[in-house]
C-alpha atoms as a PDB file:
ATOM      1  CA  UNK A   1     -26.467 -23.030   1.128  1.00  0.00           C
ATOM      2  CA  UNK A   2     -24.811 -19.984  -0.429  1.00  0.00           C
ATOM      3  CA  UNK A   3     -21.945 -18.540   1.587  1.00  0.00           C
ATOM      4  CA  UNK A   4     -22.365 -14.862   2.374  1.00  0.00           C
ATOM      5  CA  UNK A   5     -19.879 -12.670   0.502  1.00  0.00           C
ATOM      6  CA  UNK A   6     -17.346 -10.930   2.718  1.00  0.00           C
ATOM      7  CA  UNK A   7     -17.807  -7.156   2.926  1.00  0.00           C
ATOM      8  CA  UNK A   8     -15.548  -4.889   0.899  1.00  0.00           C
ATOM      9  CA  UNK A   9     -13.513  -2.476   3.005  1.00  0.00           C
ATOM     10  CA  UNK A  10     -12.471   0.844   1.480  1.00  0.00           C
ATOM     11  CA  UNK A  11      -9.180   1.870   3.100  1.00  0.00           C
ATOM     12  CA  UNK A  12      -8.287   5.509   2.471  1.00  0.00           C
ATOM     13  CA  UNK A  13      -4.826   6.942   3.061  1.00  0.00           C
ATOM     14  CA  UNK A  14      -4.297  10.706   2.946  1.00  0.00           C
ATOM     15  CA  UNK A  15      -0.726  11.996   2.686  1.00  0.00           C
ATOM     16  CA  UNK A  16       1.266  15.123   1.942  1.00  0.00           C
ATOM     17  CA  UNK A  17       5.082  15.259   1.968  1.00  0.00           C
ATOM     18  CA  UNK A  18       5.619  12.344   4.354  1.00  0.00           C
ATOM     19  CA  UNK A  19       8.277  10.302   2.598  1.00  0.00           C
ATOM     20  CA  UNK A  20       9.445   8.939   5.960  1.00  0.00           C
ATOM     21  CA  UNK A  21       6.211   7.126   6.854  1.00  0.00           C
ATOM     22  CA  UNK A  22       4.112   6.537   3.740  1.00  0.00           C
ATOM     23  CA  UNK A  23       5.611   3.183   2.743  1.00  0.00           C
ATOM     24  CA  UNK A  24       5.148   1.726   6.228  1.00  0.00           C
ATOM     25  CA  UNK A  25       1.490   2.741   6.203  1.00  0.00           C
ATOM     26  CA  UNK A  26       0.882   1.426   2.688  1.00  0.00           C
ATOM     27  CA  UNK A  27       2.515  -1.922   3.431  1.00  0.00           C
ATOM     28  CA  UNK A  28       0.350  -2.359   6.524  1.00  0.00           C
ATOM     29  CA  UNK A  29      -2.642  -2.163   4.181  1.00  0.00           C
ATOM     30  CA  UNK A  30      -1.237  -4.109   1.254  1.00  0.00           C
ATOM     31  CA  UNK A  31      -0.066  -7.043   3.417  1.00  0.00           C
ATOM     32  CA  UNK A  32      -3.476  -7.622   5.025  1.00  0.00           C
ATOM     33  CA  UNK A  33      -4.616 -11.240   4.744  1.00  0.00           C
ATOM     34  CA  UNK A  34      -8.180 -10.037   4.122  1.00  0.00           C
ATOM     35  CA  UNK A  35      -8.707  -9.966   0.362  1.00  0.00           C
ATOM     36  CA  UNK A  36     -11.742  -7.703  -0.135  1.00  0.00           C
ATOM     37  CA  UNK A  37      -9.976  -4.371   0.280  1.00  0.00           C
ATOM     38  CA  UNK A  38     -10.323  -1.344  -1.974  1.00  0.00           C
ATOM     39  CA  UNK A  39      -7.254   0.811  -1.346  1.00  0.00           C
ATOM     40  CA  UNK A  40      -7.456   4.521  -2.168  1.00  0.00           C
ATOM     41  CA  UNK A  41      -4.538   6.933  -1.733  1.00  0.00           C
ATOM     42  CA  UNK A  42      -5.039  10.698  -1.821  1.00  0.00           C
ATOM     43  CA  UNK A  43      -1.792  12.666  -2.120  1.00  0.00           C
ATOM     44  CA  UNK A  44      -1.808  16.448  -1.727  1.00  0.00           C
ATOM     45  CA  UNK A  45       0.746  17.025  -4.485  1.00  0.00           C
ATOM     46  CA  UNK A  46       3.844  15.921  -2.562  1.00  0.00           C
ATOM     47  CA  UNK A  47       7.262  17.156  -3.697  1.00  0.00           C
ATOM     48  CA  UNK A  48       9.562  15.253  -1.295  1.00  0.00           C
ATOM     49  CA  UNK A  49       9.579  11.813  -2.941  1.00  0.00           C
ATOM     50  CA  UNK A  50       6.343  10.585  -1.356  1.00  0.00           C
ATOM     51  CA  UNK A  51       4.588  10.233  -4.713  1.00  0.00           C
ATOM     52  CA  UNK A  52       7.441   8.157  -6.118  1.00  0.00           C
ATOM     53  CA  UNK A  53       7.053   5.681  -3.249  1.00  0.00           C
ATOM     54  CA  UNK A  54       3.271   5.528  -3.760  1.00  0.00           C
ATOM     55  CA  UNK A  55       3.742   4.799  -7.461  1.00  0.00           C
ATOM     56  CA  UNK A  56       5.879   1.751  -6.609  1.00  0.00           C
ATOM     57  CA  UNK A  57       2.603   0.134  -5.516  1.00  0.00           C
ATOM     58  CA  UNK A  58       0.212   1.847  -7.949  1.00  0.00           C
ATOM     59  CA  UNK A  59      -0.841  -1.406  -9.632  1.00  0.00           C
ATOM     60  CA  UNK A  60      -2.178  -2.595  -6.248  1.00  0.00           C
ATOM     61  CA  UNK A  61      -4.251   0.540  -5.631  1.00  0.00           C
ATOM     62  CA  UNK A  62      -7.899   0.915  -6.586  1.00  0.00           C
ATOM     63  CA  UNK A  63      -7.459   4.667  -7.001  1.00  0.00           C
ATOM     64  CA  UNK A  64      -4.692   7.229  -6.705  1.00  0.00           C
ATOM     65  CA  UNK A  65      -5.196  10.988  -6.717  1.00  0.00           C
ATOM     66  CA  UNK A  66      -2.284  13.444  -6.490  1.00  0.00           C
ATOM     67  CA  UNK A  67      -3.241  17.113  -6.538  1.00  0.00           C
ATOM     68  CA  UNK A  68      -3.359  20.154  -4.273  1.00  0.00           C
ATOM     69  CA  UNK A  69      -6.124  20.242  -1.721  1.00  0.00           C
ATOM     70  CA  UNK A  70      -7.550  22.629   0.873  1.00  0.00           C
ATOM     71  CA  UNK A  71      -6.365  20.640   3.869  1.00  0.00           C
ATOM     72  CA  UNK A  72      -6.583  17.170   5.373  1.00  0.00           C
ATOM     73  CA  UNK A  73     -10.384  16.964   5.543  1.00  0.00           C
ATOM     74  CA  UNK A  74     -10.760  18.161   1.962  1.00  0.00           C
ATOM     75  CA  UNK A  75      -8.396  15.339   0.976  1.00  0.00           C
ATOM     76  CA  UNK A  76     -10.327  12.848   3.104  1.00  0.00           C
ATOM     77  CA  UNK A  77     -13.571  13.940   1.434  1.00  0.00           C
ATOM     78  CA  UNK A  78     -11.983  13.223  -1.951  1.00  0.00           C
ATOM     79  CA  UNK A  79     -11.297   9.700  -0.733  1.00  0.00           C
ATOM     80  CA  UNK A  80     -14.862   9.277   0.515  1.00  0.00           C
ATOM     81  CA  UNK A  81     -16.237  10.407  -2.842  1.00  0.00           C
ATOM     82  CA  UNK A  82     -14.219   7.688  -4.623  1.00  0.00           C
ATOM     83  CA  UNK A  83     -14.955   4.848  -2.190  1.00  0.00           C
ATOM     84  CA  UNK A  84     -17.334   2.074  -3.245  1.00  0.00           C
ATOM     85  CA  UNK A  85     -16.839  -0.457  -0.412  1.00  0.00           C
ATOM     86  CA  UNK A  86     -19.345  -1.614   2.180  1.00  0.00           C
ATOM     87  CA  UNK A  87     -17.249  -0.119   4.993  1.00  0.00           C
ATOM     88  CA  UNK A  88     -14.857   2.815   5.303  1.00  0.00           C
ATOM     89  CA  UNK A  89     -11.707   3.250   7.361  1.00  0.00           C
ATOM     90  CA  UNK A  90      -9.005   5.917   7.217  1.00  0.00           C
ATOM     91  CA  UNK A  91      -5.406   4.827   7.687  1.00  0.00           C
ATOM     92  CA  UNK A  92      -3.525   8.054   7.061  1.00  0.00           C
ATOM     93  CA  UNK A  93       0.210   8.332   6.496  1.00  0.00           C
ATOM     94  CA  UNK A  94       2.129   7.382   9.631  1.00  0.00           C
ATOM     95  CA  UNK A  95      -0.596   5.111  11.021  1.00  0.00           C
ATOM     96  CA  UNK A  96      -0.894   1.340  10.571  1.00  0.00           C
ATOM     97  CA  UNK A  97      -3.153  -1.641  10.969  1.00  0.00           C
ATOM     98  CA  UNK A  98      -2.084  -3.433  14.140  1.00  0.00           C
ATOM     99  CA  UNK A  99      -1.222  -6.752  12.454  1.00  0.00           C
ATOM    100  CA  UNK A 100      -1.477  -8.423   9.029  1.00  0.00           C
ATOM    101  CA  UNK A 101      -4.663 -10.263  10.041  1.00  0.00           C
ATOM    102  CA  UNK A 102      -6.374  -7.263  11.679  1.00  0.00           C
ATOM    103  CA  UNK A 103      -9.067  -6.683   9.047  1.00  0.00           C
ATOM    104  CA  UNK A 104      -9.774 -10.410   8.791  1.00  0.00           C
ATOM    105  CA  UNK A 105     -10.286 -10.573  12.566  1.00  0.00           C
ATOM    106  CA  UNK A 106     -12.541  -7.497  12.597  1.00  0.00           C
ATOM    107  CA  UNK A 107     -14.963  -9.092  10.131  1.00  0.00           C
ATOM    108  CA  UNK A 108     -14.549 -12.650  11.449  1.00  0.00           C
ATOM    109  CA  UNK A 109     -17.737 -12.563  13.523  1.00  0.00           C
ATOM    110  CA  UNK A 110     -19.927 -11.898  10.489  1.00  0.00           C
ATOM    111  CA  UNK A 111     -22.262  -9.828  12.689  1.00  0.00           C
ATOM    112  CA  UNK A 112     -23.158  -7.301   9.962  1.00  0.00           C
ATOM    113  CA  UNK A 113     -22.620  -4.379  12.324  1.00  0.00           C
ATOM    114  CA  UNK A 114     -23.054  -0.758  11.303  1.00  0.00           C
ATOM    115  CA  UNK A 115     -19.807   0.018  13.127  1.00  0.00           C
ATOM    116  CA  UNK A 116     -16.926  -2.158  14.318  1.00  0.00           C
ATOM    117  CA  UNK A 117     -14.301  -0.684  16.625  1.00  0.00           C
ATOM    118  CA  UNK A 118     -11.285  -1.670  18.665  1.00  0.00           C
ATOM    119  CA  UNK A 119      -8.299  -0.405  20.643  1.00  0.00           C
ATOM    120  CA  UNK A 120      -5.397   1.740  19.445  1.00  0.00           C
ATOM    121  CA  UNK A 121      -1.724   1.566  20.346  1.00  0.00           C
ATOM    122  CA  UNK A 122       0.331   4.779  20.211  1.00  0.00           C
ATOM    123  CA  UNK A 123       3.818   4.970  18.753  1.00  0.00           C
ATOM    124  CA  UNK A 124       6.413   7.718  18.398  1.00  0.00           C
ATOM    125  CA  UNK A 125       8.267   8.919  15.301  1.00  0.00           C
ATOM    126  CA  UNK A 126      10.921   6.212  15.834  1.00  0.00           C
ATOM    127  CA  UNK A 127       8.292   3.466  15.899  1.00  0.00           C
ATOM    128  CA  UNK A 128       8.551   2.852  19.643  1.00  0.00           C
ATOM    129  CA  UNK A 129       5.448   1.546  21.411  1.00  0.00           C
ATOM    130  CA  UNK A 130       3.997   4.171  23.778  1.00  0.00           C
ATOM    131  CA  UNK A 131       1.159   1.978  25.010  1.00  0.00           C
ATOM    132  CA  UNK A 132      -2.594   2.412  24.813  1.00  0.00           C
ATOM    133  CA  UNK A 133      -4.211   5.800  24.276  1.00  0.00           C
ATOM    134  CA  UNK A 134      -5.210   7.674  27.450  1.00  0.00           C
ATOM    135  CA  UNK A 135      -8.860   7.270  26.434  1.00  0.00           C
ATOM    136  CA  UNK A 136      -9.391   3.503  26.397  1.00  0.00           C
ATOM    137  CA  UNK A 137     -11.928   2.163  23.927  1.00  0.00           C
ATOM    138  CA  UNK A 138     -15.195   1.697  25.849  1.00  0.00           C
ATOM    139  CA  UNK A 139     -16.736  -1.726  26.382  1.00  0.00           C
ATOM    140  CA  UNK A 140     -19.906  -0.485  24.675  1.00  0.00           C
ATOM    141  CA  UNK A 141     -19.664   2.527  22.370  1.00  0.00           C
ATOM    142  CA  UNK A 142     -22.508   4.897  21.500  1.00  0.00           C
ATOM    143  CA  UNK A 143     -22.471   8.474  20.213  1.00  0.00           C
ATOM    144  CA  UNK A 144     -22.971   9.688  23.791  1.00  0.00           C
ATOM    145  CA  UNK A 145     -19.633   8.170  24.784  1.00  0.00           C
ATOM    146  CA  UNK A 146     -17.566  10.991  23.260  1.00  0.00           C
ATOM    147  CA  UNK A 147     -18.820  13.544  25.778  1.00  0.00           C
ATOM    148  CA  UNK A 148     -15.705  13.060  27.925  1.00  0.00           C
ATOM    149  CA  UNK A 149     -13.282  12.806  25.018  1.00  0.00           C
ATOM    150  CA  UNK A 150     -12.616  10.850  21.830  1.00  0.00           C
ATOM    151  CA  UNK A 151     -12.565   7.290  23.158  1.00  0.00           C
ATOM    152  CA  UNK A 152     -12.301   5.599  19.731  1.00  0.00           C
ATOM    153  CA  UNK A 153      -9.730   6.838  17.222  1.00  0.00           C
ATOM    154  CA  UNK A 154     -10.562   7.133  13.531  1.00  0.00           C
ATOM    155  CA  UNK A 155      -7.879   4.524  12.703  1.00  0.00           C
ATOM    156  CA  UNK A 156      -9.775   2.002  14.841  1.00  0.00           C
ATOM    157  CA  UNK A 157     -13.344   2.439  13.611  1.00  0.00           C
ATOM    158  CA  UNK A 158     -14.939   0.692  10.634  1.00  0.00           C
ATOM    159  CA  UNK A 159     -18.150   2.419   9.544  1.00  0.00           C
ATOM    160  CA  UNK A 160     -20.698   1.331   6.947  1.00  0.00           C
ATOM    161  CA  UNK A 161     -20.310   3.630   3.965  1.00  0.00           C
ATOM    162  CA  UNK A 162     -24.075   4.177   3.873  1.00  0.00           C
ATOM    163  CA  UNK A 163     -23.858   5.957   7.248  1.00  0.00           C
ATOM    164  CA  UNK A 164     -21.039   8.389   6.538  1.00  0.00           C
ATOM    165  CA  UNK A 165     -21.268  11.995   5.433  1.00  0.00           C
ATOM    166  CA  UNK A 166     -18.500  14.281   4.126  1.00  0.00           C
ATOM    167  CA  UNK A 167     -16.295  15.907   6.752  1.00  0.00           C
ATOM    168  CA  UNK A 168     -17.471  19.388   7.771  1.00  0.00           C
ATOM    169  CA  UNK A 169     -15.043  21.825   6.122  1.00  0.00           C
ATOM    170  CA  UNK A 170     -15.489  24.455   8.827  1.00  0.00           C
ATOM    171  CA  UNK A 171     -13.331  22.331  11.150  1.00  0.00           C
ATOM    172  CA  UNK A 172      -9.617  22.156  10.322  1.00  0.00           C
ATOM    173  CA  UNK A 173      -8.372  19.910  13.133  1.00  0.00           C
ATOM    174  CA  UNK A 174     -11.247  18.053  14.795  1.00  0.00           C
ATOM    175  CA  UNK A 175     -13.737  17.239  12.038  1.00  0.00           C
ATOM    176  CA  UNK A 176     -13.139  13.512  12.604  1.00  0.00           C
ATOM    177  CA  UNK A 177     -14.933  13.755  15.973  1.00  0.00           C
ATOM    178  CA  UNK A 178     -17.973  15.327  14.336  1.00  0.00           C
ATOM    179  CA  UNK A 179     -17.837  12.758  11.508  1.00  0.00           C
ATOM    180  CA  UNK A 180     -17.808   9.770  13.859  1.00  0.00           C
ATOM    181  CA  UNK A 181     -20.577  11.209  16.035  1.00  0.00           C
ATOM    182  CA  UNK A 182     -22.861  11.754  13.042  1.00  0.00           C
ATOM    183  CA  UNK A 183     -22.384   8.165  11.906  1.00  0.00           C
ATOM    184  CA  UNK A 184     -22.730   6.716  15.420  1.00  0.00           C
ATOM    185  CA  UNK A 185     -26.063   8.504  15.873  1.00  0.00           C
ATOM    186  CA  UNK A 186     -27.414   6.608  12.853  1.00  0.00           C
ATOM    187  CA  UNK A 187     -25.920   3.231  13.797  1.00  0.00           C
ATOM    188  CA  UNK A 188     -28.249   0.470  14.977  1.00  0.00           C
ATOM    189  CA  UNK A 189     -25.562  -2.103  15.783  1.00  0.00           C
ATOM    190  CA  UNK A 190     -22.064  -1.274  17.068  1.00  0.00           C
ATOM    191  CA  UNK A 191     -19.640  -4.121  17.792  1.00  0.00           C
ATOM    192  CA  UNK A 192     -16.524  -4.027  19.962  1.00  0.00           C
ATOM    193  CA  UNK A 193     -14.022  -6.478  18.424  1.00  0.00           C
ATOM    194  CA  UNK A 194     -12.086  -6.519  21.727  1.00  0.00           C
ATOM    195  CA  UNK A 195      -8.592  -6.358  20.273  1.00  0.00           C
ATOM    196  CA  UNK A 196      -5.967  -3.861  19.201  1.00  0.00           C
ATOM    197  CA  UNK A 197      -6.697  -2.905  15.600  1.00  0.00           C
ATOM    198  CA  UNK A 198      -4.478   0.113  14.864  1.00  0.00           C
ATOM    199  CA  UNK A 199      -1.191   1.857  15.595  1.00  0.00           C
ATOM    200  CA  UNK A 200      -1.381   5.629  15.834  1.00  0.00           C
ATOM    201  CA  UNK A 201       1.569   7.983  15.225  1.00  0.00           C
ATOM    202  CA  UNK A 202       1.437  10.704  17.897  1.00  0.00           C
ATOM    203  CA  UNK A 203       2.219  14.375  17.279  1.00  0.00           C
ATOM    204  CA  UNK A 204      -0.202  15.471  14.549  1.00  0.00           C
ATOM    205  CA  UNK A 205      -1.497  18.957  13.761  1.00  0.00           C
ATOM    206  CA  UNK A 206      -3.991  18.880  16.634  1.00  0.00           C
ATOM    207  CA  UNK A 207      -0.991  18.710  19.011  1.00  0.00           C
ATOM    208  CA  UNK A 208       0.816  21.593  17.267  1.00  0.00           C
ATOM    209  CA  UNK A 209      -2.302  23.795  17.219  1.00  0.00           C
ATOM    210  CA  UNK A 210      -3.723  22.664  20.527  1.00  0.00           C
ATOM    211  CA  UNK A 211      -5.807  25.748  21.342  1.00  0.00           C
ATOM    212  CA  UNK A 212      -7.574  25.750  17.968  1.00  0.00           C
ATOM    213  CA  UNK A 213      -8.199  22.025  18.317  1.00  0.00           C
ATOM    214  CA  UNK A 214      -9.765  22.492  21.768  1.00  0.00           C
ATOM    215  CA  UNK A 215     -12.025  25.298  20.527  1.00  0.00           C
ATOM    216  CA  UNK A 216     -13.206  23.150  17.631  1.00  0.00           C
ATOM    217  CA  UNK A 217     -13.854  20.206  19.939  1.00  0.00           C
ATOM    218  CA  UNK A 218     -15.897  22.395  22.290  1.00  0.00           C
ATOM    219  CA  UNK A 219     -17.994  23.640  19.359  1.00  0.00           C
ATOM    220  CA  UNK A 220     -18.588  20.079  18.140  1.00  0.00           C
ATOM    221  CA  UNK A 221     -19.557  18.847  21.599  1.00  0.00           C
ATOM    222  CA  UNK A 222     -21.882  21.822  22.073  1.00  0.00           C
ATOM    223  CA  UNK A 223     -23.593  20.994  18.775  1.00  0.00           C
ATOM    224  CA  UNK A 224     -24.165  17.350  19.703  1.00  0.00           C
ATOM    225  CA  UNK A 225     -24.693  17.523  23.486  1.00  0.00           C
ATOM    226  CA  UNK A 226     -25.825  21.089  24.228  1.00  0.00           C
ATOM    227  CA  UNK A 227     -24.004  24.032  25.857  1.00  0.00           C
ATOM    228  CA  UNK A 228     -24.487  23.379  29.593  1.00  0.00           C
ATOM    229  CA  UNK A 229     -23.712  19.637  29.447  1.00  0.00           C
ATOM    230  CA  UNK A 230     -20.602  20.434  27.391  1.00  0.00           C
ATOM    231  CA  UNK A 231     -19.368  22.978  29.954  1.00  0.00           C
ATOM    232  CA  UNK A 232     -19.894  20.419  32.737  1.00  0.00           C
ATOM    233  CA  UNK A 233     -18.296  17.613  30.717  1.00  0.00           C
ATOM    234  CA  UNK A 234     -15.227  19.756  30.010  1.00  0.00           C
ATOM    235  CA  UNK A 235     -14.820  20.335  33.739  1.00  0.00           C
ATOM    236  CA  UNK A 236     -14.800  16.550  34.166  1.00  0.00           C
ATOM    237  CA  UNK A 237     -12.306  16.203  31.302  1.00  0.00           C
ATOM    238  CA  UNK A 238     -10.009  18.795  32.906  1.00  0.00           C
ATOM    239  CA  UNK A 239     -10.183  16.983  36.270  1.00  0.00           C
ATOM    240  CA  UNK A 240      -9.465  13.595  34.673  1.00  0.00           C
ATOM    241  CA  UNK A 241      -6.576  15.031  32.671  1.00  0.00           C
ATOM    242  CA  UNK A 242      -5.063  16.597  35.790  1.00  0.00           C
ATOM    243  CA  UNK A 243      -5.448  13.350  37.745  1.00  0.00           C
ATOM    244  CA  UNK A 244      -3.901  11.349  34.872  1.00  0.00           C
ATOM    245  CA  UNK A 245      -0.948  13.764  34.759  1.00  0.00           C
ATOM    246  CA  UNK A 246      -0.476  13.599  38.532  1.00  0.00           C
ATOM    247  CA  UNK A 247      -0.533   9.789  38.607  1.00  0.00           C
ATOM    248  CA  UNK A 248       1.938   9.513  35.746  1.00  0.00           C
ATOM    249  CA  UNK A 249       4.194  12.123  37.292  1.00  0.00           C
ATOM    250  CA  UNK A 250       4.316  10.091  40.495  1.00  0.00           C
ATOM    251  CA  UNK A 251       5.010   6.916  38.520  1.00  0.00           C
ATOM    252  CA  UNK A 252       7.887   8.573  36.661  1.00  0.00           C
ATOM    253  CA  UNK A 253       9.421  10.204  39.768  1.00  0.00           C
END
């Protein structure tokens, strides 16, 4: 009996002038025990030494592009266009796979899912563990599950390449939500691997430009769920956020 070939995972890292974190991210990919990985790095024309670090590992990369881009999602689309694997995951500069055997464990079941997903641990700029994201990964994920917030981060979701589309360039901060929703709508089989699969570096652009991010998220939700349900769902989100803040304030007092 012929053993089924293990799926090829295209890991894409997008970076621009992040000399502090790029090597940590790259090593989390390059030290994976899973062997069928196609690693693609898209650099936005860094000038701070980032490119020199990337080139230390160039012989272990499937593809490297270093040129100016029109923003993070333009860079991520360049990575998508180059990917040839069965599945896609983005592990952008500053983020990491949770452990060296993470990818191996994700595919260990051999379930041939359209999407695999897991839990994400947050960390600060010093590498300190900040615990699980506020939105815990749901027991069962469908496209409808994002109506109260992004419950699965893009570092923790493995999507069949056949399901993905380019990121919508009209969104500058929240296109990943739209991208995941589009793929999840097409998915027939979504598997929760029930483990931590990624470490996420907090404090990205969506935090620095919070109002723009919220407006984009509302527009995306309205497109997928309709206007009135989105207004209602945002009221629920606001209540949950306030309750979460109140509970944590009491805990910290």
